[in-house]
Amino acid sequence: MPKFNVMANHLVPRHSVMTHDEVEEMLSTYGIDRTKLPKILINDPCARAIGASPGDVIRIERKSPTAGTSLYYRIVVEERSVP
């Protein structure tokens, strides 16, 4: 059975793994550290499709009819942590 490519679906926003320099610039711009970023699980279909590893930061580009393109950032974690 062929594998389904989740990233080929037009409803899935663009996901990309950020470089170290891009992450540092983004954190500096927003005045936060990595621990403040929302999390995405390593077994999330999009994280798996782009080959993300724990600790990577993913940039998600969502199209919006009113805002144009909105950027979201998530840090890849191995499993959901309990608060």
PDB file of N, CA and C in Angstrom:
ATOM      1  N   MET A   1       0.846  -1.166   0.000  1.00  0.00           N
ATOM      2  CA  MET A   1       0.000   0.000   0.000  1.00  0.00           C
ATOM      3  C   MET A   1       0.901   1.241   0.000  1.00  0.00           C
ATOM      4  N   PRO A   2       0.619   2.225  -0.881  1.00  0.00           N
ATOM      5  CA  PRO A   2       1.452   3.433  -0.916  1.00  0.00           C
ATOM      6  C   PRO A   2       1.222   4.300   0.321  1.00  0.00           C
ATOM      7  N   LYS A   3       2.294   5.008   0.717  1.00  0.00           N
ATOM      8  CA  LYS A   3       2.188   5.907   1.865  1.00  0.00           C
ATOM      9  C   LYS A   3       1.477   7.191   1.446  1.00  0.00           C
ATOM     10  N   PHE A   4       0.748   7.779   2.388  1.00  0.00           N
ATOM     11  CA  PHE A   4       0.056   9.040   2.166  1.00  0.00           C
ATOM     12  C   PHE A   4       0.988  10.179   2.539  1.00  0.00           C
ATOM     13  N   ASN A   5       1.161  11.138   1.647  1.00  0.00           N
ATOM     14  CA  ASN A   5       2.001  12.302   1.909  1.00  0.00           C
ATOM     15  C   ASN A   5       1.127  13.429   2.443  1.00  0.00           C
ATOM     16  N   VAL A   6       1.129  13.617   3.766  1.00  0.00           N
ATOM     17  CA  VAL A   6       0.291  14.625   4.398  1.00  0.00           C
ATOM     18  C   VAL A   6       0.633  16.029   3.905  1.00  0.00           C
ATOM     19  N   MET A   7       1.875  16.273   3.548  1.00  0.00           N
ATOM     20  CA  MET A   7       2.301  17.599   3.125  1.00  0.00           C
ATOM     21  C   MET A   7       1.768  17.971   1.733  1.00  0.00           C
ATOM     22  N   ALA A   8       1.290  16.996   0.983  1.00  0.00           N
ATOM     23  CA  ALA A   8       0.756  17.271  -0.356  1.00  0.00           C
ATOM     24  C   ALA A   8      -0.683  17.774  -0.308  1.00  0.00           C
ATOM     25  N   ASN A   9      -1.327  17.686   0.850  1.00  0.00           N
ATOM     26  CA  ASN A   9      -2.705  18.134   0.983  1.00  0.00           C
ATOM     27  C   ASN A   9      -2.753  19.655   1.016  1.00  0.00           C
ATOM     28  N   HIS A  10      -3.651  20.256   0.237  1.00  0.00           N
ATOM     29  CA  HIS A  10      -3.722  21.723   0.151  1.00  0.00           C
ATOM     30  C   HIS A  10      -4.201  22.376   1.454  1.00  0.00           C
ATOM     31  N   LEU A  11      -4.767  21.612   2.363  1.00  0.00           N
ATOM     32  CA  LEU A  11      -5.225  22.163   3.638  1.00  0.00           C
ATOM     33  C   LEU A  11      -4.127  22.201   4.704  1.00  0.00           C
ATOM     34  N   VAL A  12      -3.007  21.541   4.455  1.00  0.00           N
ATOM     35  CA  VAL A  12      -1.900  21.493   5.416  1.00  0.00           C
ATOM     36  C   VAL A  12      -0.960  22.669   5.142  1.00  0.00           C
ATOM     37  N   PRO A  13      -0.745  23.536   6.141  1.00  0.00           N
ATOM     38  CA  PRO A  13       0.160  24.669   5.910  1.00  0.00           C
ATOM     39  C   PRO A  13       1.607  24.206   5.739  1.00  0.00           C
ATOM     40  N   ARG A  14       2.423  25.071   5.170  1.00  0.00           N
ATOM     41  CA  ARG A  14       3.834  24.743   4.937  1.00  0.00           C
ATOM     42  C   ARG A  14       4.565  24.656   6.266  1.00  0.00           C
ATOM     43  N   HIS A  15       5.297  23.561   6.472  1.00  0.00           N
ATOM     44  CA  HIS A  15       6.120  23.345   7.660  1.00  0.00           C
ATOM     45  C   HIS A  15       7.573  23.261   7.207  1.00  0.00           C
ATOM     46  N   SER A  16       8.485  23.882   7.959  1.00  0.00           N
ATOM     47  CA  SER A  16       9.903  23.755   7.645  1.00  0.00           C
ATOM     48  C   SER A  16      10.720  23.823   8.930  1.00  0.00           C
ATOM     49  N   VAL A  17      11.807  23.064   8.949  1.00  0.00           N
ATOM     50  CA  VAL A  17      12.723  23.064  10.086  1.00  0.00           C
ATOM     51  C   VAL A  17      13.619  24.292   9.952  1.00  0.00           C
ATOM     52  N   MET A  18      13.714  25.069  11.020  1.00  0.00           N
ATOM     53  CA  MET A  18      14.518  26.291  11.007  1.00  0.00           C
ATOM     54  C   MET A  18      15.985  25.983  11.317  1.00  0.00           C
ATOM     55  N   THR A  19      16.880  26.798  10.765  1.00  0.00           N
ATOM     56  CA  THR A  19      18.301  26.661  11.078  1.00  0.00           C
ATOM     57  C   THR A  19      18.557  27.258  12.461  1.00  0.00           C
ATOM     58  N   HIS A  20      19.716  26.965  13.018  1.00  0.00           N
ATOM     59  CA  HIS A  20      20.087  27.503  14.328  1.00  0.00           C
ATOM     60  C   HIS A  20      20.060  29.037  14.320  1.00  0.00           C
ATOM     61  N   ASP A  21      20.618  29.632  13.265  1.00  0.00           N
ATOM     62  CA  ASP A  21      20.647  31.101  13.173  1.00  0.00           C
ATOM     63  C   ASP A  21      19.240  31.691  13.082  1.00  0.00           C
ATOM     64  N   GLU A  22      18.362  31.052  12.314  1.00  0.00           N
ATOM     65  CA  GLU A  22      16.978  31.526  12.201  1.00  0.00           C
ATOM     66  C   GLU A  22      16.269  31.467  13.550  1.00  0.00           C
ATOM     67  N   VAL A  23      16.512  30.387  14.292  1.00  0.00           N
ATOM     68  CA  VAL A  23      15.885  30.234  15.607  1.00  0.00           C
ATOM     69  C   VAL A  23      16.373  31.321  16.551  1.00  0.00           C
ATOM     70  N   GLU A  24      17.672  31.546  16.591  1.00  0.00           N
ATOM     71  CA  GLU A  24      18.233  32.564  17.480  1.00  0.00           C
ATOM     72  C   GLU A  24      17.688  33.954  17.147  1.00  0.00           C
ATOM     73  N   GLU A  25      17.568  34.259  15.865  1.00  0.00           N
ATOM     74  CA  GLU A  25      17.030  35.558  15.452  1.00  0.00           C
ATOM     75  C   GLU A  25      15.562  35.692  15.866  1.00  0.00           C
ATOM     76  N   MET A  26      14.769  34.647  15.663  1.00  0.00           N
ATOM     77  CA  MET A  26      13.355  34.672  16.026  1.00  0.00           C
ATOM     78  C   MET A  26      13.184  34.830  17.537  1.00  0.00           C
ATOM     79  N   LEU A  27      13.953  34.086  18.330  1.00  0.00           N
ATOM     80  CA  LEU A  27      13.862  34.187  19.786  1.00  0.00           C
ATOM     81  C   LEU A  27      14.252  35.579  20.257  1.00  0.00           C
ATOM     82  N   SER A  28      15.270  36.162  19.643  1.00  0.00           N
ATOM     83  CA  SER A  28      15.705  37.506  19.983  1.00  0.00           C
ATOM     84  C   SER A  28      14.638  38.539  19.620  1.00  0.00           C
ATOM     85  N   THR A  29      14.035  38.380  18.456  1.00  0.00           N
ATOM     86  CA  THR A  29      12.987  39.303  17.994  1.00  0.00           C
ATOM     87  C   THR A  29      11.815  39.338  18.960  1.00  0.00           C
ATOM     88  N   TYR A  30      11.393  38.161  19.433  1.00  0.00           N
ATOM     89  CA  TYR A  30      10.226  38.075  20.311  1.00  0.00           C
ATOM     90  C   TYR A  30      10.582  38.137  21.794  1.00  0.00           C
ATOM     91  N   GLY A  31      11.877  38.132  22.109  1.00  0.00           N
ATOM     92  CA  GLY A  31      12.308  38.235  23.501  1.00  0.00           C
ATOM     93  C   GLY A  31      11.891  37.059  24.357  1.00  0.00           C
ATOM     94  N   ILE A  32      11.979  35.855  23.807  1.00  0.00           N
ATOM     95  CA  ILE A  32      11.592  34.638  24.539  1.00  0.00           C
ATOM     96  C   ILE A  32      12.722  33.625  24.465  1.00  0.00           C
ATOM     97  N   ASP A  33      12.577  32.522  25.196  1.00  0.00           N
ATOM     98  CA  ASP A  33      13.524  31.417  25.052  1.00  0.00           C
ATOM     99  C   ASP A  33      12.754  30.179  24.577  1.00  0.00           C
ATOM    100  N   ARG A  34      13.504  29.151  24.237  1.00  0.00           N
ATOM    101  CA  ARG A  34      12.919  27.943  23.637  1.00  0.00           C
ATOM    102  C   ARG A  34      11.828  27.316  24.506  1.00  0.00           C
ATOM    103  N   THR A  35      11.948  27.469  25.831  1.00  0.00           N
ATOM    104  CA  THR A  35      10.976  26.827  26.722  1.00  0.00           C
ATOM    105  C   THR A  35       9.591  27.449  26.612  1.00  0.00           C
ATOM    106  N   LYS A  36       9.495  28.655  26.052  1.00  0.00           N
ATOM    107  CA  LYS A  36       8.207  29.350  25.913  1.00  0.00           C
ATOM    108  C   LYS A  36       7.483  29.001  24.618  1.00  0.00           C
ATOM    109  N   LEU A  37       8.151  28.278  23.722  1.00  0.00           N
ATOM    110  CA  LEU A  37       7.520  27.917  22.453  1.00  0.00           C
ATOM    111  C   LEU A  37       6.494  26.801  22.641  1.00  0.00           C
ATOM    112  N   PRO A  38       5.397  26.847  21.886  1.00  0.00           N
ATOM    113  CA  PRO A  38       4.458  25.725  21.907  1.00  0.00           C
ATOM    114  C   PRO A  38       5.158  24.473  21.389  1.00  0.00           C
ATOM    115  N   LYS A  39       4.660  23.324  21.783  1.00  0.00           N
ATOM    116  CA  LYS A  39       5.299  22.065  21.423  1.00  0.00           C
ATOM    117  C   LYS A  39       4.558  21.355  20.291  1.00  0.00           C
ATOM    118  N   ILE A  40       5.312  20.548  19.554  1.00  0.00           N
ATOM    119  CA  ILE A  40       4.750  19.648  18.563  1.00  0.00           C
ATOM    120  C   ILE A  40       5.431  18.302  18.787  1.00  0.00           C
ATOM    121  N   LEU A  41       4.659  17.250  18.816  1.00  0.00           N
ATOM    122  CA  LEU A  41       5.209  15.926  19.082  1.00  0.00           C
ATOM    123  C   LEU A  41       6.003  15.400  17.894  1.00  0.00           C
ATOM    124  N   ILE A  42       7.052  14.664  18.181  1.00  0.00           N
ATOM    125  CA  ILE A  42       7.901  14.078  17.140  1.00  0.00           C
ATOM    126  C   ILE A  42       7.104  13.137  16.240  1.00  0.00           C
ATOM    127  N   ASN A  43       6.041  12.541  16.777  1.00  0.00           N
ATOM    128  CA  ASN A  43       5.257  11.616  15.962  1.00  0.00           C
ATOM    129  C   ASN A  43       4.087  12.300  15.247  1.00  0.00           C
ATOM    130  N   ASP A  44       4.036  13.636  15.294  1.00  0.00           N
ATOM    131  CA  ASP A  44       3.041  14.379  14.514  1.00  0.00           C
ATOM    132  C   ASP A  44       3.318  14.099  13.032  1.00  0.00           C
ATOM    133  N   PRO A  45       2.279  13.856  12.228  1.00  0.00           N
ATOM    134  CA  PRO A  45       2.505  13.521  10.814  1.00  0.00           C
ATOM    135  C   PRO A  45       3.330  14.550  10.052  1.00  0.00           C
ATOM    136  N   CYS A  46       3.136  15.834  10.316  1.00  0.00           N
ATOM    137  CA  CYS A  46       3.905  16.865   9.609  1.00  0.00           C
ATOM    138  C   CYS A  46       5.366  16.876  10.060  1.00  0.00           C
ATOM    139  N   ALA A  47       5.604  16.725  11.352  1.00  0.00           N
ATOM    140  CA  ALA A  47       6.981  16.685  11.862  1.00  0.00           C
ATOM    141  C   ALA A  47       7.720  15.483  11.277  1.00  0.00           C
ATOM    142  N   ARG A  48       7.044  14.358  11.202  1.00  0.00           N
ATOM    143  CA  ARG A  48       7.673  13.165  10.608  1.00  0.00           C
ATOM    144  C   ARG A  48       7.942  13.365   9.130  1.00  0.00           C
ATOM    145  N   ALA A  49       6.994  13.992   8.423  1.00  0.00           N
ATOM    146  CA  ALA A  49       7.129  14.172   6.973  1.00  0.00           C
ATOM    147  C   ALA A  49       8.318  15.052   6.607  1.00  0.00           C
ATOM    148  N   ILE A  50       8.656  16.026   7.446  1.00  0.00           N
ATOM    149  CA  ILE A  50       9.782  16.922   7.119  1.00  0.00           C
ATOM    150  C   ILE A  50      11.087  16.478   7.779  1.00  0.00           C
ATOM    151  N   GLY A  51      11.046  15.369   8.500  1.00  0.00           N
ATOM    152  CA  GLY A  51      12.265  14.823   9.091  1.00  0.00           C
ATOM    153  C   GLY A  51      12.761  15.576  10.310  1.00  0.00           C
ATOM    154  N   ALA A  52      11.852  16.148  11.086  1.00  0.00           N
ATOM    155  CA  ALA A  52      12.232  16.901  12.278  1.00  0.00           C
ATOM    156  C   ALA A  52      12.731  15.973  13.383  1.00  0.00           C
ATOM    157  N   SER A  53      13.608  16.500  14.231  1.00  0.00           N
ATOM    158  CA  SER A  53      14.155  15.773  15.373  1.00  0.00           C
ATOM    159  C   SER A  53      13.816  16.515  16.653  1.00  0.00           C
ATOM    160  N   PRO A  54      13.810  15.819  17.798  1.00  0.00           N
ATOM    161  CA  PRO A  54      13.555  16.519  19.068  1.00  0.00           C
ATOM    162  C   PRO A  54      14.533  17.682  19.246  1.00  0.00           C
ATOM    163  N   GLY A  55      13.993  18.835  19.660  1.00  0.00           N
ATOM    164  CA  GLY A  55      14.806  20.030  19.840  1.00  0.00           C
ATOM    165  C   GLY A  55      14.770  20.970  18.646  1.00  0.00           C
ATOM    166  N   ASP A  56      14.369  20.465  17.470  1.00  0.00           N
ATOM    167  CA  ASP A  56      14.244  21.324  16.293  1.00  0.00           C
ATOM    168  C   ASP A  56      13.084  22.296  16.489  1.00  0.00           C
ATOM    169  N   VAL A  57      13.169  23.433  15.842  1.00  0.00           N
ATOM    170  CA  VAL A  57      12.063  24.387  15.828  1.00  0.00           C
ATOM    171  C   VAL A  57      11.488  24.395  14.419  1.00  0.00           C
ATOM    172  N   ILE A  58      10.173  24.268  14.343  1.00  0.00           N
ATOM    173  CA  ILE A  58       9.474  24.226  13.064  1.00  0.00           C
ATOM    174  C   ILE A  58       8.753  25.549  12.843  1.00  0.00           C
ATOM    175  N   ARG A  59       8.892  26.098  11.643  1.00  0.00           N
ATOM    176  CA  ARG A  59       8.146  27.294  11.235  1.00  0.00           C
ATOM    177  C   ARG A  59       6.941  26.803  10.439  1.00  0.00           C
ATOM    178  N   ILE A  60       5.757  27.279  10.812  1.00  0.00           N
ATOM    179  CA  ILE A  60       4.522  26.919  10.113  1.00  0.00           C
ATOM    180  C   ILE A  60       3.977  28.188   9.485  1.00  0.00           C
ATOM    181  N   GLU A  61       3.777  28.152   8.171  1.00  0.00           N
ATOM    182  CA  GLU A  61       3.283  29.314   7.429  1.00  0.00           C
ATOM    183  C   GLU A  61       1.838  29.056   7.026  1.00  0.00           C
ATOM    184  N   ARG A  62       0.929  29.773   7.672  1.00  0.00           N
ATOM    185  CA  ARG A  62      -0.496  29.602   7.399  1.00  0.00           C
ATOM    186  C   ARG A  62      -0.997  30.769   6.554  1.00  0.00           C
ATOM    187  N   LYS A  63      -1.762  30.445   5.521  1.00  0.00           N
ATOM    188  CA  LYS A  63      -2.368  31.469   4.667  1.00  0.00           C
ATOM    189  C   LYS A  63      -3.653  31.949   5.319  1.00  0.00           C
ATOM    190  N   SER A  64      -3.883  33.258   5.248  1.00  0.00           N
ATOM    191  CA  SER A  64      -5.074  33.858   5.825  1.00  0.00           C
ATOM    192  C   SER A  64      -5.643  34.886   4.848  1.00  0.00           C
ATOM    193  N   PRO A  65      -6.948  34.860   4.617  1.00  0.00           N
ATOM    194  CA  PRO A  65      -7.522  35.845   3.694  1.00  0.00           C
ATOM    195  C   PRO A  65      -7.410  37.279   4.218  1.00  0.00           C
ATOM    196  N   THR A  66      -7.307  37.457   5.521  1.00  0.00           N
ATOM    197  CA  THR A  66      -7.225  38.805   6.090  1.00  0.00           C
ATOM    198  C   THR A  66      -5.799  39.216   6.445  1.00  0.00           C
ATOM    199  N   ALA A  67      -4.976  38.280   6.888  1.00  0.00           N
ATOM    200  CA  ALA A  67      -3.624  38.627   7.346  1.00  0.00           C
ATOM    201  C   ALA A  67      -2.538  38.292   6.327  1.00  0.00           C
ATOM    202  N   GLY A  68      -2.897  37.675   5.221  1.00  0.00           N
ATOM    203  CA  GLY A  68      -1.882  37.248   4.257  1.00  0.00           C
ATOM    204  C   GLY A  68      -1.273  35.936   4.717  1.00  0.00           C
ATOM    205  N   THR A  69      -0.057  35.996   5.242  1.00  0.00           N
ATOM    206  CA  THR A  69       0.613  34.805   5.779  1.00  0.00           C
ATOM    207  C   THR A  69       0.939  35.048   7.243  1.00  0.00           C
ATOM    208  N   SER A  70       0.574  34.078   8.092  1.00  0.00           N
ATOM    209  CA  SER A  70       0.896  34.146   9.519  1.00  0.00           C
ATOM    210  C   SER A  70       1.933  33.087   9.822  1.00  0.00           C
ATOM    211  N   LEU A  71       2.919  33.455  10.625  1.00  0.00           N
ATOM    212  CA  LEU A  71       3.975  32.515  10.999  1.00  0.00           C
ATOM    213  C   LEU A  71       3.738  32.017  12.418  1.00  0.00           C
ATOM    214  N   TYR A  72       3.917  30.721  12.603  1.00  0.00           N
ATOM    215  CA  TYR A  72       3.809  30.074  13.907  1.00  0.00           C
ATOM    216  C   TYR A  72       5.063  29.245  14.106  1.00  0.00           C
ATOM    217  N   TYR A  73       5.482  29.096  15.344  1.00  0.00           N
ATOM    218  CA  TYR A  73       6.705  28.359  15.652  1.00  0.00           C
ATOM    219  C   TYR A  73       6.389  27.302  16.695  1.00  0.00           C
ATOM    220  N   ARG A  74       6.936  26.104  16.512  1.00  0.00           N
ATOM    221  CA  ARG A  74       6.746  25.003  17.449  1.00  0.00           C
ATOM    222  C   ARG A  74       8.090  24.321  17.671  1.00  0.00           C
ATOM    223  N   ILE A  75       8.325  23.880  18.916  1.00  0.00           N
ATOM    224  CA  ILE A  75       9.533  23.110  19.197  1.00  0.00           C
ATOM    225  C   ILE A  75       9.150  21.638  19.245  1.00  0.00           C
ATOM    226  N   VAL A  76       9.982  20.808  18.651  1.00  0.00           N
ATOM    227  CA  VAL A  76       9.712  19.369  18.552  1.00  0.00           C
ATOM    228  C   VAL A  76      10.112  18.686  19.851  1.00  0.00           C
ATOM    229  N   VAL A  77       9.178  17.928  20.432  1.00  0.00           N
ATOM    230  CA  VAL A  77       9.441  17.183  21.658  1.00  0.00           C
ATOM    231  C   VAL A  77       9.123  15.698  21.432  1.00  0.00           C
ATOM    232  N   GLU A  78       9.732  14.855  22.263  1.00  0.00           N
ATOM    233  CA  GLU A  78       9.526  13.417  22.104  1.00  0.00           C
ATOM    234  C   GLU A  78       8.164  12.954  22.575  1.00  0.00           C
ATOM    235  N   GLU A  79       7.712  13.501  23.691  1.00  0.00           N
ATOM    236  CA  GLU A  79       6.403  13.100  24.187  1.00  0.00           C
ATOM    237  C   GLU A  79       5.783  14.244  24.971  1.00  0.00           C
ATOM    238  N   ARG A  80       4.500  14.180  25.120  1.00  0.00           N
ATOM    239  CA  ARG A  80       3.768  15.222  25.829  1.00  0.00           C
ATOM    240  C   ARG A  80       4.167  15.204  27.296  1.00  0.00           C
ATOM    241  N   SER A  81       4.565  16.384  27.795  1.00  0.00           N
ATOM    242  CA  SER A  81       4.945  16.460  29.206  1.00  0.00           C
ATOM    243  C   SER A  81       3.736  16.883  30.035  1.00  0.00           C
ATOM    244  N   VAL A  82       3.648  16.350  31.220  1.00  0.00           N
ATOM    245  CA  VAL A  82       2.532  16.654  32.116  1.00  0.00           C
ATOM    246  C   VAL A  82       2.900  17.876  32.943  1.00  0.00           C
ATOM    247  N   PRO A  83       2.025  18.913  32.979  1.00  0.00           N
ATOM    248  CA  PRO A  83       2.361  20.119  33.749  1.00  0.00           C
ATOM    249  C   PRO A  83       2.415  19.871  35.238  1.00  0.00           C
TER     250      PRO A  83
END
